[in-house]
Structure formats: structure tokens, C-alpha cells
PDB file of N, CA and C in Angstrom:
ATOM      1  N   LEU A   1      -7.068  14.395  16.569  1.00  0.00           N
ATOM      2  CA  LEU A   1      -6.376  14.033  15.344  1.00  0.00           C
ATOM      3  C   LEU A   1      -7.347  13.512  14.290  1.00  0.00           C
ATOM      4  N   GLU A   2      -8.328  12.752  14.755  1.00  0.00           N
ATOM      5  CA  GLU A   2      -9.282  12.190  13.801  1.00  0.00           C
ATOM      6  C   GLU A   2     -10.073  13.297  13.101  1.00  0.00           C
ATOM      7  N   LYS A   3     -10.447  14.342  13.857  1.00  0.00           N
ATOM      8  CA  LYS A   3     -11.185  15.463  13.278  1.00  0.00           C
ATOM      9  C   LYS A   3     -10.335  16.171  12.224  1.00  0.00           C
ATOM     10  N   LEU A   4      -9.058  16.410  12.526  1.00  0.00           N
ATOM     11  CA  LEU A   4      -8.164  17.052  11.560  1.00  0.00           C
ATOM     12  C   LEU A   4      -7.992  16.193  10.314  1.00  0.00           C
ATOM     13  N   PHE A   5      -7.941  14.887  10.491  1.00  0.00           N
ATOM     14  CA  PHE A   5      -7.798  13.988   9.350  1.00  0.00           C
ATOM     15  C   PHE A   5      -9.037  14.058   8.456  1.00  0.00           C
ATOM     16  N   ARG A   6     -10.225  14.058   9.069  1.00  0.00           N
ATOM     17  CA  ARG A   6     -11.464  14.124   8.292  1.00  0.00           C
ATOM     18  C   ARG A   6     -11.596  15.450   7.545  1.00  0.00           C
ATOM     19  N   GLU A   7     -11.076  16.536   8.140  1.00  0.00           N
ATOM     20  CA  GLU A   7     -11.142  17.847   7.491  1.00  0.00           C
ATOM     21  C   GLU A   7     -10.074  18.013   6.415  1.00  0.00           C
ATOM     22  N   GLY A   8      -9.186  17.053   6.278  1.00  0.00           N
ATOM     23  CA  GLY A   8      -8.149  17.119   5.261  1.00  0.00           C
ATOM     24  C   GLY A   8      -6.964  17.991   5.638  1.00  0.00           C
ATOM     25  N   LYS A   9      -6.836  18.312   6.924  1.00  0.00           N
ATOM     26  CA  LYS A   9      -5.734  19.155   7.377  1.00  0.00           C
ATOM     27  C   LYS A   9      -4.540  18.344   7.870  1.00  0.00           C
ATOM     28  N   LEU A  10      -4.770  17.095   8.180  1.00  0.00           N
ATOM     29  CA  LEU A  10      -3.698  16.242   8.678  1.00  0.00           C
ATOM     30  C   LEU A  10      -3.238  15.331   7.543  1.00  0.00           C
ATOM     31  N   PHE A  11      -1.964  15.138   7.425  1.00  0.00           N
ATOM     32  CA  PHE A  11      -1.379  14.325   6.354  1.00  0.00           C
ATOM     33  C   PHE A  11      -1.745  14.876   4.977  1.00  0.00           C
ATOM     34  N   ALA A  12      -1.772  16.200   4.866  1.00  0.00           N
ATOM     35  CA  ALA A  12      -2.117  16.842   3.596  1.00  0.00           C
ATOM     36  C   ALA A  12      -1.101  16.517   2.515  1.00  0.00           C
ATOM     37  N   PHE A  13       0.119  16.152   2.920  1.00  0.00           N
ATOM     38  CA  PHE A  13       1.149  15.851   1.928  1.00  0.00           C
ATOM     39  C   PHE A  13       0.846  14.567   1.164  1.00  0.00           C
ATOM     40  N   LEU A  14      -0.126  13.786   1.615  1.00  0.00           N
ATOM     41  CA  LEU A  14      -0.470  12.545   0.932  1.00  0.00           C
ATOM     42  C   LEU A  14      -1.490  12.760  -0.185  1.00  0.00           C
ATOM     43  N   GLU A  15      -2.017  13.961  -0.300  1.00  0.00           N
ATOM     44  CA  GLU A  15      -3.002  14.255  -1.339  1.00  0.00           C
ATOM     45  C   GLU A  15      -2.295  14.426  -2.676  1.00  0.00           C
ATOM     46  N   PRO A  16      -2.581  13.599  -3.675  1.00  0.00           N
ATOM     47  CA  PRO A  16      -1.911  13.712  -4.976  1.00  0.00           C
ATOM     48  C   PRO A  16      -2.184  15.037  -5.681  1.00  0.00           C
ATOM     49  N   SER A  17      -3.318  15.659  -5.414  1.00  0.00           N
ATOM     50  CA  SER A  17      -3.640  16.916  -6.104  1.00  0.00           C
ATOM     51  C   SER A  17      -2.707  18.050  -5.682  1.00  0.00           C
ATOM     52  N   LEU A  18      -2.086  17.943  -4.510  1.00  0.00           N
ATOM     53  CA  LEU A  18      -1.183  18.998  -4.050  1.00  0.00           C
ATOM     54  C   LEU A  18       0.098  19.058  -4.872  1.00  0.00           C
ATOM     55  N   THR A  19       0.537  17.934  -5.393  1.00  0.00           N
ATOM     56  CA  THR A  19       1.796  17.904  -6.139  1.00  0.00           C
ATOM     57  C   THR A  19       1.598  18.057  -7.640  1.00  0.00           C
ATOM     58  N   ALA A  20       0.386  18.306  -8.082  1.00  0.00           N
ATOM     59  CA  ALA A  20       0.124  18.433  -9.516  1.00  0.00           C
ATOM     60  C   ALA A  20       0.838  19.651 -10.104  1.00  0.00           C
ATOM     61  N   ALA A  21       0.912  20.739  -9.352  1.00  0.00           N
ATOM     62  CA  ALA A  21       1.537  21.966  -9.851  1.00  0.00           C
ATOM     63  C   ALA A  21       3.045  21.975  -9.638  1.00  0.00           C
ATOM     64  N   GLY A  22       3.582  20.979  -8.975  1.00  0.00           N
ATOM     65  CA  GLY A  22       5.016  20.925  -8.689  1.00  0.00           C
ATOM     66  C   GLY A  22       5.251  20.525  -7.239  1.00  0.00           C
ATOM     67  N   PRO A  23       6.491  20.529  -6.826  1.00  0.00           N
ATOM     68  CA  PRO A  23       6.770  20.107  -5.454  1.00  0.00           C
ATOM     69  C   PRO A  23       6.201  21.090  -4.424  1.00  0.00           C
ATOM     70  N   VAL A  24       5.775  20.538  -3.321  1.00  0.00           N
ATOM     71  CA  VAL A  24       5.209  21.332  -2.236  1.00  0.00           C
ATOM     72  C   VAL A  24       6.356  21.814  -1.352  1.00  0.00           C
ATOM     73  N   ALA A  25       6.286  23.072  -0.946  1.00  0.00           N
ATOM     74  CA  ALA A  25       7.328  23.627  -0.080  1.00  0.00           C
ATOM     75  C   ALA A  25       7.317  22.928   1.274  1.00  0.00           C
ATOM     76  N   ARG A  26       8.495  22.789   1.853  1.00  0.00           N
ATOM     77  CA  ARG A  26       8.606  22.152   3.165  1.00  0.00           C
ATOM     78  C   ARG A  26       7.973  23.033   4.232  1.00  0.00           C
ATOM     79  N   THR A  27       7.427  22.359   5.237  1.00  0.00           N
ATOM     80  CA  THR A  27       6.872  23.099   6.365  1.00  0.00           C
ATOM     81  C   THR A  27       7.738  22.948   7.602  1.00  0.00           C
ATOM     82  N   THR A  28       8.799  22.167   7.518  1.00  0.00           N
ATOM     83  CA  THR A  28       9.700  22.004   8.654  1.00  0.00           C
ATOM     84  C   THR A  28      10.980  22.778   8.400  1.00  0.00           C
ATOM     85  N   ASN A  29      11.685  23.054   9.431  1.00  0.00           N
ATOM     86  CA  ASN A  29      12.914  23.826   9.347  1.00  0.00           C
ATOM     87  C   ASN A  29      14.076  22.897   9.004  1.00  0.00           C
ATOM     88  N   ARG A  30      14.667  23.057   7.839  1.00  0.00           N
ATOM     89  CA  ARG A  30      15.776  22.205   7.416  1.00  0.00           C
ATOM     90  C   ARG A  30      17.009  22.414   8.284  1.00  0.00           C
ATOM     91  N   LEU A  31      17.140  23.589   8.876  1.00  0.00           N
ATOM     92  CA  LEU A  31      18.323  23.878   9.673  1.00  0.00           C
ATOM     93  C   LEU A  31      18.372  23.044  10.943  1.00  0.00           C
ATOM     94  N   GLU A  32      17.227  22.698  11.501  1.00  0.00           N
ATOM     95  CA  GLU A  32      17.207  21.977  12.768  1.00  0.00           C
ATOM     96  C   GLU A  32      17.799  20.582  12.648  1.00  0.00           C
ATOM     97  N   GLY A  33      17.427  19.834  11.634  1.00  0.00           N
ATOM     98  CA  GLY A  33      17.889  18.463  11.574  1.00  0.00           C
ATOM     99  C   GLY A  33      18.860  18.178  10.460  1.00  0.00           C
ATOM    100  N   GLY A  34      19.129  19.139   9.604  1.00  0.00           N
ATOM    101  CA  GLY A  34      19.935  18.826   8.446  1.00  0.00           C
ATOM    102  C   GLY A  34      21.237  19.575   8.354  1.00  0.00           C
ATOM    103  N   VAL A  35      21.171  20.788   7.879  1.00  0.00           N
ATOM    104  CA  VAL A  35      22.368  21.531   7.511  1.00  0.00           C
ATOM    105  C   VAL A  35      23.240  21.850   8.719  1.00  0.00           C
ATOM    106  N   ASN A  36      22.658  22.352   9.777  1.00  0.00           N
ATOM    107  CA  ASN A  36      23.445  22.804  10.920  1.00  0.00           C
ATOM    108  C   ASN A  36      23.681  21.741  11.980  1.00  0.00           C
ATOM    109  N   SER A  37      23.060  20.579  11.872  1.00  0.00           N
ATOM    110  CA  SER A  37      23.200  19.598  12.952  1.00  0.00           C
ATOM    111  C   SER A  37      24.643  19.142  13.172  1.00  0.00           C
ATOM    112  N   PRO A  38      25.487  18.948  12.137  1.00  0.00           N
ATOM    113  CA  PRO A  38      26.882  18.591  12.438  1.00  0.00           C
ATOM    114  C   PRO A  38      27.610  19.688  13.211  1.00  0.00           C
ATOM    115  N   LEU A  39      27.277  20.948  12.921  1.00  0.00           N
ATOM    116  CA  LEU A  39      27.903  22.049  13.655  1.00  0.00           C
ATOM    117  C   LEU A  39      27.453  22.050  15.110  1.00  0.00           C
ATOM    118  N   LYS A  40      26.168  21.806  15.328  1.00  0.00           N
ATOM    119  CA  LYS A  40      25.662  21.742  16.697  1.00  0.00           C
ATOM    120  C   LYS A  40      26.323  20.604  17.460  1.00  0.00           C
ATOM    121  N   HIS A  41      26.473  19.460  16.798  1.00  0.00           N
ATOM    122  CA  HIS A  41      27.057  18.296  17.470  1.00  0.00           C
ATOM    123  C   HIS A  41      28.521  18.522  17.829  1.00  0.00           C
ATOM    124  N   VAL A  42      29.288  19.144  16.945  1.00  0.00           N
ATOM    125  CA  VAL A  42      30.705  19.369  17.264  1.00  0.00           C
ATOM    126  C   VAL A  42      30.828  20.350  18.423  1.00  0.00           C
ATOM    127  N   LEU A  43      29.950  21.333  18.501  1.00  0.00           N
ATOM    128  CA  LEU A  43      30.004  22.281  19.613  1.00  0.00           C
ATOM    129  C   LEU A  43      29.546  21.641  20.918  1.00  0.00           C
ATOM    130  N   LEU A  44      28.562  20.747  20.840  1.00  0.00           N
ATOM    131  CA  LEU A  44      28.131  20.043  22.049  1.00  0.00           C
ATOM    132  C   LEU A  44      29.183  19.042  22.514  1.00  0.00           C
ATOM    133  N   ASP A  45      29.803  18.352  21.565  1.00  0.00           N
ATOM    134  CA  ASP A  45      30.813  17.353  21.924  1.00  0.00           C
ATOM    135  C   ASP A  45      32.069  17.989  22.491  1.00  0.00           C
ATOM    136  N   HIS A  46      32.333  19.228  22.126  1.00  0.00           N
ATOM    137  CA  HIS A  46      33.552  19.907  22.573  1.00  0.00           C
ATOM    138  C   HIS A  46      33.201  21.190  23.323  1.00  0.00           C
ATOM    139  N   HIS A  47      32.195  21.122  24.199  1.00  0.00           N
ATOM    140  CA  HIS A  47      31.806  22.334  24.924  1.00  0.00           C
ATOM    141  C   HIS A  47      32.941  22.771  25.848  1.00  0.00           C
ATOM    142  N   GLY A  48      33.009  24.043  26.081  1.00  0.00           N
ATOM    143  CA  GLY A  48      34.059  24.595  26.914  1.00  0.00           C
ATOM    144  C   GLY A  48      35.230  25.147  26.127  1.00  0.00           C
ATOM    145  N   LEU A  49      35.193  25.034  24.813  1.00  0.00           N
ATOM    146  CA  LEU A  49      36.268  25.600  23.999  1.00  0.00           C
ATOM    147  C   LEU A  49      36.193  27.126  24.024  1.00  0.00           C
ATOM    148  N   PRO A  50      37.327  27.783  23.915  1.00  0.00           N
ATOM    149  CA  PRO A  50      37.282  29.241  23.745  1.00  0.00           C
ATOM    150  C   PRO A  50      36.577  29.588  22.431  1.00  0.00           C
ATOM    151  N   GLU A  51      36.073  30.803  22.332  1.00  0.00           N
ATOM    152  CA  GLU A  51      35.281  31.200  21.164  1.00  0.00           C
ATOM    153  C   GLU A  51      36.043  31.024  19.855  1.00  0.00           C
ATOM    154  N   GLU A  52      37.322  31.363  19.847  1.00  0.00           N
ATOM    155  CA  GLU A  52      38.131  31.220  18.631  1.00  0.00           C
ATOM    156  C   GLU A  52      38.236  29.748  18.224  1.00  0.00           C
ATOM    157  N   HIS A  53      38.393  28.861  19.186  1.00  0.00           N
ATOM    158  CA  HIS A  53      38.477  27.432  18.864  1.00  0.00           C
ATOM    159  C   HIS A  53      37.132  26.898  18.391  1.00  0.00           C
ATOM    160  N   MET A  54      36.026  27.418  18.959  1.00  0.00           N
ATOM    161  CA  MET A  54      34.701  27.005  18.484  1.00  0.00           C
ATOM    162  C   MET A  54      34.532  27.369  17.017  1.00  0.00           C
ATOM    163  N   ARG A  55      34.946  28.575  16.671  1.00  0.00           N
ATOM    164  CA  ARG A  55      34.833  29.023  15.276  1.00  0.00           C
ATOM    165  C   ARG A  55      35.653  28.132  14.366  1.00  0.00           C
ATOM    166  N   ARG A  56      36.882  27.815  14.784  1.00  0.00           N
ATOM    167  CA  ARG A  56      37.748  26.974  13.955  1.00  0.00           C
ATOM    168  C   ARG A  56      37.205  25.554  13.851  1.00  0.00           C
ATOM    169  N   ALA A  57      36.594  25.043  14.915  1.00  0.00           N
ATOM    170  CA  ALA A  57      35.996  23.707  14.860  1.00  0.00           C
ATOM    171  C   ALA A  57      34.843  23.682  13.862  1.00  0.00           C
ATOM    172  N   CYS A  58      34.031  24.740  13.844  1.00  0.00           N
ATOM    173  CA  CYS A  58      32.927  24.817  12.878  1.00  0.00           C
ATOM    174  C   CYS A  58      33.453  24.951  11.456  1.00  0.00           C
ATOM    175  N   GLU A  59      34.516  25.732  11.288  1.00  0.00           N
ATOM    176  CA  GLU A  59      35.123  25.845   9.959  1.00  0.00           C
ATOM    177  C   GLU A  59      35.658  24.492   9.499  1.00  0.00           C
ATOM    178  N   TRP A  60      36.229  23.722  10.420  1.00  0.00           N
ATOM    179  CA  TRP A  60      36.759  22.403  10.079  1.00  0.00           C
ATOM    180  C   TRP A  60      35.634  21.482   9.609  1.00  0.00           C
ATOM    181  N   VAL A  61      34.502  21.492  10.314  1.00  0.00           N
ATOM    182  CA  VAL A  61      33.368  20.657   9.913  1.00  0.00           C
ATOM    183  C   VAL A  61      32.899  21.062   8.524  1.00  0.00           C
ATOM    184  N   CYS A  62      32.782  22.358   8.285  1.00  0.00           N
ATOM    185  CA  CYS A  62      32.352  22.833   6.960  1.00  0.00           C
ATOM    186  C   CYS A  62      33.353  22.431   5.884  1.00  0.00           C
ATOM    187  N   TYR A  63      34.640  22.552   6.189  1.00  0.00           N
ATOM    188  CA  TYR A  63      35.671  22.188   5.219  1.00  0.00           C
ATOM    189  C   TYR A  63      35.607  20.694   4.897  1.00  0.00           C
ATOM    190  N   MET A  64      35.413  19.859   5.920  1.00  0.00           N
ATOM    191  CA  MET A  64      35.364  18.416   5.691  1.00  0.00           C
ATOM    192  C   MET A  64      34.113  18.003   4.921  1.00  0.00           C
ATOM    193  N   LYS A  65      33.072  18.849   4.904  1.00  0.00           N
ATOM    194  CA  LYS A  65      31.864  18.567   4.126  1.00  0.00           C
ATOM    195  C   LYS A  65      31.947  19.143   2.716  1.00  0.00           C
ATOM    196  N   SER A  66      33.044  19.838   2.400  1.00  0.00           N
ATOM    197  CA  SER A  66      33.178  20.456   1.081  1.00  0.00           C
ATOM    198  C   SER A  66      33.385  19.384   0.013  1.00  0.00           C
ATOM    199  N   GLY A  67      33.418  19.811  -1.228  1.00  0.00           N
ATOM    200  CA  GLY A  67      33.492  18.884  -2.351  1.00  0.00           C
ATOM    201  C   GLY A  67      34.693  17.967  -2.343  1.00  0.00           C
ATOM    202  N   SER A  68      35.864  18.484  -2.092  1.00  0.00           N
ATOM    203  CA  SER A  68      37.070  17.644  -2.094  1.00  0.00           C
ATOM    204  C   SER A  68      38.009  18.086  -0.971  1.00  0.00           C
ATOM    205  N   PRO A  69      37.688  17.711   0.269  1.00  0.00           N
ATOM    206  CA  PRO A  69      38.549  18.128   1.378  1.00  0.00           C
ATOM    207  C   PRO A  69      39.889  17.393   1.336  1.00  0.00           C
ATOM    208  N   ASP A  70      40.941  18.105   1.630  1.00  0.00           N
ATOM    209  CA  ASP A  70      42.279  17.521   1.691  1.00  0.00           C
ATOM    210  C   ASP A  70      42.965  18.065   2.945  1.00  0.00           C
ATOM    211  N   PRO A  71      42.708  17.449   4.109  1.00  0.00           N
ATOM    212  CA  PRO A  71      43.254  18.002   5.348  1.00  0.00           C
ATOM    213  C   PRO A  71      44.776  18.020   5.384  1.00  0.00           C
ATOM    214  N   LYS A  72      45.437  17.120   4.654  1.00  0.00           N
ATOM    215  CA  LYS A  72      46.905  17.112   4.650  1.00  0.00           C
ATOM    216  C   LYS A  72      47.473  18.378   4.021  1.00  0.00           C
ATOM    217  N   SER A  73      46.726  18.984   3.116  1.00  0.00           N
ATOM    218  CA  SER A  73      47.230  20.194   2.458  1.00  0.00           C
ATOM    219  C   SER A  73      47.255  21.398   3.401  1.00  0.00           C
ATOM    220  N   LEU A  74      46.556  21.304   4.519  1.00  0.00           N
ATOM    221  CA  LEU A  74      46.535  22.411   5.475  1.00  0.00           C
ATOM    222  C   LEU A  74      47.791  22.453   6.342  1.00  0.00           C
ATOM    223  N   ILE A  75      48.535  21.350   6.399  1.00  0.00           N
ATOM    224  CA  ILE A  75      49.735  21.297   7.230  1.00  0.00           C
ATOM    225  C   ILE A  75      50.882  21.945   6.470  1.00  0.00           C
ATOM    226  N   ARG A  76      51.438  22.981   7.069  1.00  0.00           N
ATOM    227  CA  ARG A  76      52.550  23.701   6.458  1.00  0.00           C
ATOM    228  C   ARG A  76      53.838  23.344   7.190  1.00  0.00           C
ATOM    229  N   PRO A  77      55.004  23.614   6.597  1.00  0.00           N
ATOM    230  CA  PRO A  77      56.281  23.255   7.237  1.00  0.00           C
ATOM    231  C   PRO A  77      56.443  23.807   8.652  1.00  0.00           C
ATOM    232  N   GLU A  78      55.901  24.987   8.926  1.00  0.00           N
ATOM    233  CA  GLU A  78      56.056  25.529  10.283  1.00  0.00           C
ATOM    234  C   GLU A  78      55.263  24.740  11.327  1.00  0.00           C
ATOM    235  N   HIS A  79      54.322  23.906  10.879  1.00  0.00           N
ATOM    236  CA  HIS A  79      53.569  23.072  11.808  1.00  0.00           C
ATOM    237  C   HIS A  79      54.322  21.796  12.175  1.00  0.00           C
ATOM    238  N   TRP A  80      55.353  21.446  11.419  1.00  0.00           N
ATOM    239  CA  TRP A  80      56.074  20.202  11.682  1.00  0.00           C
ATOM    240  C   TRP A  80      56.779  20.224  13.026  1.00  0.00           C
ATOM    241  N   LYS A  81      57.313  21.378  13.405  1.00  0.00           N
ATOM    242  CA  LYS A  81      57.984  21.527  14.701  1.00  0.00           C
ATOM    243  C   LYS A  81      57.387  22.739  15.407  1.00  0.00           C
ATOM    244  N   PRO A  82      56.276  22.537  16.101  1.00  0.00           N
ATOM    245  CA  PRO A  82      55.635  23.686  16.744  1.00  0.00           C
ATOM    246  C   PRO A  82      56.475  24.215  17.898  1.00  0.00           C
ATOM    247  N   LEU A  83      56.340  25.509  18.138  1.00  0.00           N
ATOM    248  CA  LEU A  83      57.032  26.130  19.258  1.00  0.00           C
ATOM    249  C   LEU A  83      56.394  25.658  20.555  1.00  0.00           C
ATOM    250  N   ARG A  84      57.233  25.391  21.527  1.00  0.00           N
ATOM    251  CA  ARG A  84      56.725  24.988  22.841  1.00  0.00           C
ATOM    252  C   ARG A  84      56.325  26.238  23.614  1.00  0.00           C
ATOM    253  N   ARG A  85      55.223  26.134  24.298  1.00  0.00           N
ATOM    254  CA  ARG A  85      54.800  27.246  25.138  1.00  0.00           C
ATOM    255  C   ARG A  85      55.648  27.259  26.398  1.00  0.00           C
ATOM    256  N   ALA A  86      55.915  28.441  26.867  1.00  0.00           N
ATOM    257  CA  ALA A  86      56.690  28.572  28.099  1.00  0.00           C
ATOM    258  C   ALA A  86      55.870  28.039  29.264  1.00  0.00           C
ATOM    259  N   ALA A  87      56.540  27.309  30.138  1.00  0.00           N
ATOM    260  CA  ALA A  87      55.860  26.773  31.308  1.00  0.00           C
ATOM    261  C   ALA A  87      55.458  27.912  32.229  1.00  0.00           C
ATOM    262  N   ARG A  88      54.398  27.694  32.974  1.00  0.00           N
ATOM    263  CA  ARG A  88      53.962  28.711  33.924  1.00  0.00           C
ATOM    264  C   ARG A  88      55.024  28.879  34.998  1.00  0.00           C
ATOM    265  N   PRO A  89      55.290  30.091  35.373  1.00  0.00           N
ATOM    266  CA  PRO A  89      56.286  30.287  36.427  1.00  0.00           C
ATOM    267  C   PRO A  89      55.811  29.667  37.731  1.00  0.00           C
ATOM    268  N   ASP A  90      56.715  28.987  38.398  1.00  0.00           N
ATOM    269  CA  ASP A  90      56.381  28.312  39.643  1.00  0.00           C
ATOM    270  C   ASP A  90      56.503  29.307  40.790  1.00  0.00           C
ATOM    271  N   ASP A  91      55.414  29.500  41.490  1.00  0.00           N
ATOM    272  CA  ASP A  91      55.453  30.389  42.650  1.00  0.00           C
ATOM    273  C   ASP A  91      56.062  29.631  43.816  1.00  0.00           C
ATOM    274  N   SER A  92      57.225  30.065  44.254  1.00  0.00           N
ATOM    275  CA  SER A  92      57.889  29.368  45.349  1.00  0.00           C
ATOM    276  C   SER A  92      57.171  29.603  46.670  1.00  0.00           C
ATOM    277  N   GLY A  93      56.327  30.622  46.761  1.00  0.00           N
ATOM    278  CA  GLY A  93      55.616  30.910  47.997  1.00  0.00           C
ATOM    279  C   GLY A  93      54.291  30.177  48.098  1.00  0.00           C
ATOM    280  N   ASP A  94      54.107  29.125  47.318  1.00  0.00           N
ATOM    281  CA  ASP A  94      52.850  28.391  47.322  1.00  0.00           C
ATOM    282  C   ASP A  94      52.757  27.536  48.579  1.00  0.00           C
ATOM    283  N   ASP A  95      51.733  27.786  49.391  1.00  0.00           N
ATOM    284  CA  ASP A  95      51.563  27.008  50.617  1.00  0.00           C
ATOM    285  C   ASP A  95      50.551  25.880  50.453  1.00  0.00           C
ATOM    286  N   GLY A  96      50.081  25.639  49.236  1.00  0.00           N
ATOM    287  CA  GLY A  96      49.156  24.540  48.988  1.00  0.00           C
ATOM    288  C   GLY A  96      47.695  24.945  49.041  1.00  0.00           C
ATOM    289  N   SER A  97      47.404  26.137  49.515  1.00  0.00           N
ATOM    290  CA  SER A  97      46.015  26.578  49.571  1.00  0.00           C
ATOM    291  C   SER A  97      45.573  27.027  48.183  1.00  0.00           C
ATOM    292  N   PRO A  98      44.286  26.899  47.879  1.00  0.00           N
ATOM    293  CA  PRO A  98      43.816  27.311  46.552  1.00  0.00           C
ATOM    294  C   PRO A  98      44.012  28.803  46.329  1.00  0.00           C
ATOM    295  N   GLN A  99      44.379  29.158  45.127  1.00  0.00           N
ATOM    296  CA  GLN A  99      44.549  30.557  44.760  1.00  0.00           C
ATOM    297  C   GLN A  99      43.196  31.101  44.307  1.00  0.00           C
ATOM    298  N   TYR A 100      43.107  32.408  44.160  1.00  0.00           N
ATOM    299  CA  TYR A 100      41.854  33.006  43.723  1.00  0.00           C
ATOM    300  C   TYR A 100      41.446  32.445  42.364  1.00  0.00           C
ATOM    301  N   GLY A 101      40.194  32.021  42.274  1.00  0.00           N
ATOM    302  CA  GLY A 101      39.661  31.521  41.019  1.00  0.00           C
ATOM    303  C   GLY A 101      39.986  30.068  40.729  1.00  0.00           C
ATOM    304  N   THR A 102      40.660  29.366  41.641  1.00  0.00           N
ATOM    305  CA  THR A 102      41.009  27.969  41.365  1.00  0.00           C
ATOM    306  C   THR A 102      40.295  27.000  42.283  1.00  0.00           C
ATOM    307  N   GLY A 103      39.666  27.472  43.331  1.00  0.00           N
ATOM    308  CA  GLY A 103      39.003  26.587  44.286  1.00  0.00           C
ATOM    309  C   GLY A 103      37.502  26.598  44.109  1.00  0.00           C
ATOM    310  N   VAL A 104      36.838  25.684  44.803  1.00  0.00           N
ATOM    311  CA  VAL A 104      35.388  25.609  44.779  1.00  0.00           C
ATOM    312  C   VAL A 104      34.868  26.305  46.028  1.00  0.00           C
ATOM    313  N   ASP A 105      33.959  27.214  45.843  1.00  0.00           N
ATOM    314  CA  ASP A 105      33.375  27.938  46.957  1.00  0.00           C
ATOM    315  C   ASP A 105      32.097  27.230  47.383  1.00  0.00           C
ATOM    316  N   TRP A 106      31.945  26.997  48.678  1.00  0.00           N
ATOM    317  CA  TRP A 106      30.771  26.312  49.203  1.00  0.00           C
ATOM    318  C   TRP A 106      29.500  27.034  48.771  1.00  0.00           C
ATOM    319  N   ASN A 107      29.536  28.362  48.715  1.00  0.00           N
ATOM    320  CA  ASN A 107      28.353  29.149  48.391  1.00  0.00           C
ATOM    321  C   ASN A 107      27.921  29.010  46.938  1.00  0.00           C
ATOM    322  N   GLU A 108      28.774  28.489  46.069  1.00  0.00           N
ATOM    323  CA  GLU A 108      28.389  28.305  44.671  1.00  0.00           C
ATOM    324  C   GLU A 108      27.397  27.163  44.509  1.00  0.00           C
ATOM    325  N   PHE A 109      27.396  26.220  45.448  1.00  0.00           N
ATOM    326  CA  PHE A 109      26.554  25.035  45.316  1.00  0.00           C
ATOM    327  C   PHE A 109      25.485  24.934  46.397  1.00  0.00           C
ATOM    328  N   HIS A 110      25.479  25.828  47.364  1.00  0.00           N
ATOM    329  CA  HIS A 110      24.534  25.754  48.468  1.00  0.00           C
ATOM    330  C   HIS A 110      23.912  27.120  48.713  1.00  0.00           C
ATOM    331  N   THR A 111      22.758  27.097  49.310  1.00  0.00           N
ATOM    332  CA  THR A 111      22.080  28.321  49.691  1.00  0.00           C
ATOM    333  C   THR A 111      22.110  28.429  51.202  1.00  0.00           C
ATOM    334  N   HIS A 112      22.496  29.573  51.686  1.00  0.00           N
ATOM    335  CA  HIS A 112      22.568  29.775  53.128  1.00  0.00           C
ATOM    336  C   HIS A 112      21.166  29.982  53.684  1.00  0.00           C
ATOM    337  N   THR A 113      20.798  29.195  54.650  1.00  0.00           N
ATOM    338  CA  THR A 113      19.523  29.379  55.340  1.00  0.00           C
ATOM    339  C   THR A 113      19.799  29.440  56.829  1.00  0.00           C
ATOM    340  N   GLU A 114      19.025  30.246  57.504  1.00  0.00           N
ATOM    341  CA  GLU A 114      19.169  30.345  58.955  1.00  0.00           C
ATOM    342  C   GLU A 114      18.685  29.053  59.596  1.00  0.00           C
ATOM    343  N   TRP A 115      19.387  28.635  60.630  1.00  0.00           N
ATOM    344  CA  TRP A 115      19.005  27.426  61.346  1.00  0.00           C
ATOM    345  C   TRP A 115      18.452  27.828  62.688  1.00  0.00           C
ATOM    346  N   ASN A 116      17.214  27.492  62.906  1.00  0.00           N
ATOM    347  CA  ASN A 116      16.574  27.805  64.182  1.00  0.00           C
ATOM    348  C   ASN A 116      16.773  26.629  65.123  1.00  0.00           C
ATOM    349  N   GLN A 117      17.519  26.884  66.167  1.00  0.00           N
ATOM    350  CA  GLN A 117      17.786  25.813  67.125  1.00  0.00           C
ATOM    351  C   GLN A 117      16.590  25.693  68.060  1.00  0.00           C
ATOM    352  N   THR A 118      15.963  24.554  68.052  1.00  0.00           N
ATOM    353  CA  THR A 118      14.821  24.317  68.942  1.00  0.00           C
ATOM    354  C   THR A 118      15.162  23.171  69.865  1.00  0.00           C
ATOM    355  N   ASP A 119      14.926  23.377  71.134  1.00  0.00           N
ATOM    356  CA  ASP A 119      15.202  22.320  72.127  1.00  0.00           C
ATOM    357  C   ASP A 119      13.938  21.772  72.685  1.00  0.00           C
TER     358      ASP A 119
END
């Protein structure tokens, strides 16, 4: 670091002669820490959402950052009494065992290795 400092390559933004012609262009990516960070945070905080809900969550963040957001104006009369979703049909033949895709498989978390029995 000391060598770079002596060569004038480190902390170059502190040189007054660089700003004589106008502002110096940024060398860091503004998207990483600035513009997109609220979108990244909402997706991290709500991971597991379906793709359509992720898109709507990002749109909501963008809308709330707009010049004059008014979330109450988005509520329409049909939202006042939402339709109830039909309950899942109850399978009367359920014996309590996990159904396909609902249980945890031992092989998902472990690797099968042969056990050599030595006496």
C-alpha cells in the first residue's frame, strides 16, 4: 500500500488537480450499495416467495420510493371483501403417513457409505 501511495495511485481522489476539469467519474458500482440494495433486501427478507410475488414485492418497493406514493389509493372496492379460497379437499383415506413430496427423505441430508464390519 505504501508503494502505491508514493506512486500516486492510491487515494487518487484526494488530488485537487483531478477535480479541476469537473467531477471525477465513480469507480465503484452504484448498483451494489445504492439503487438496488432495497430490492435485494426485500427479496432476502422474504425468500421463498413465488416468482410472481417476488416481482410484485419489488414493484412495491419501487412504488414506495416514488415521488408521492399513496398506498391507500391502490385499494379498490373489490379488495374490501376478498373471496375466500376453497379449502383443500380432505382425503378420508389418510392413514397419517407422509404423502409424496411432503416428507423428509433421509437421503436428502445424508450420504450412504458402506460400513465394513470388523471384529
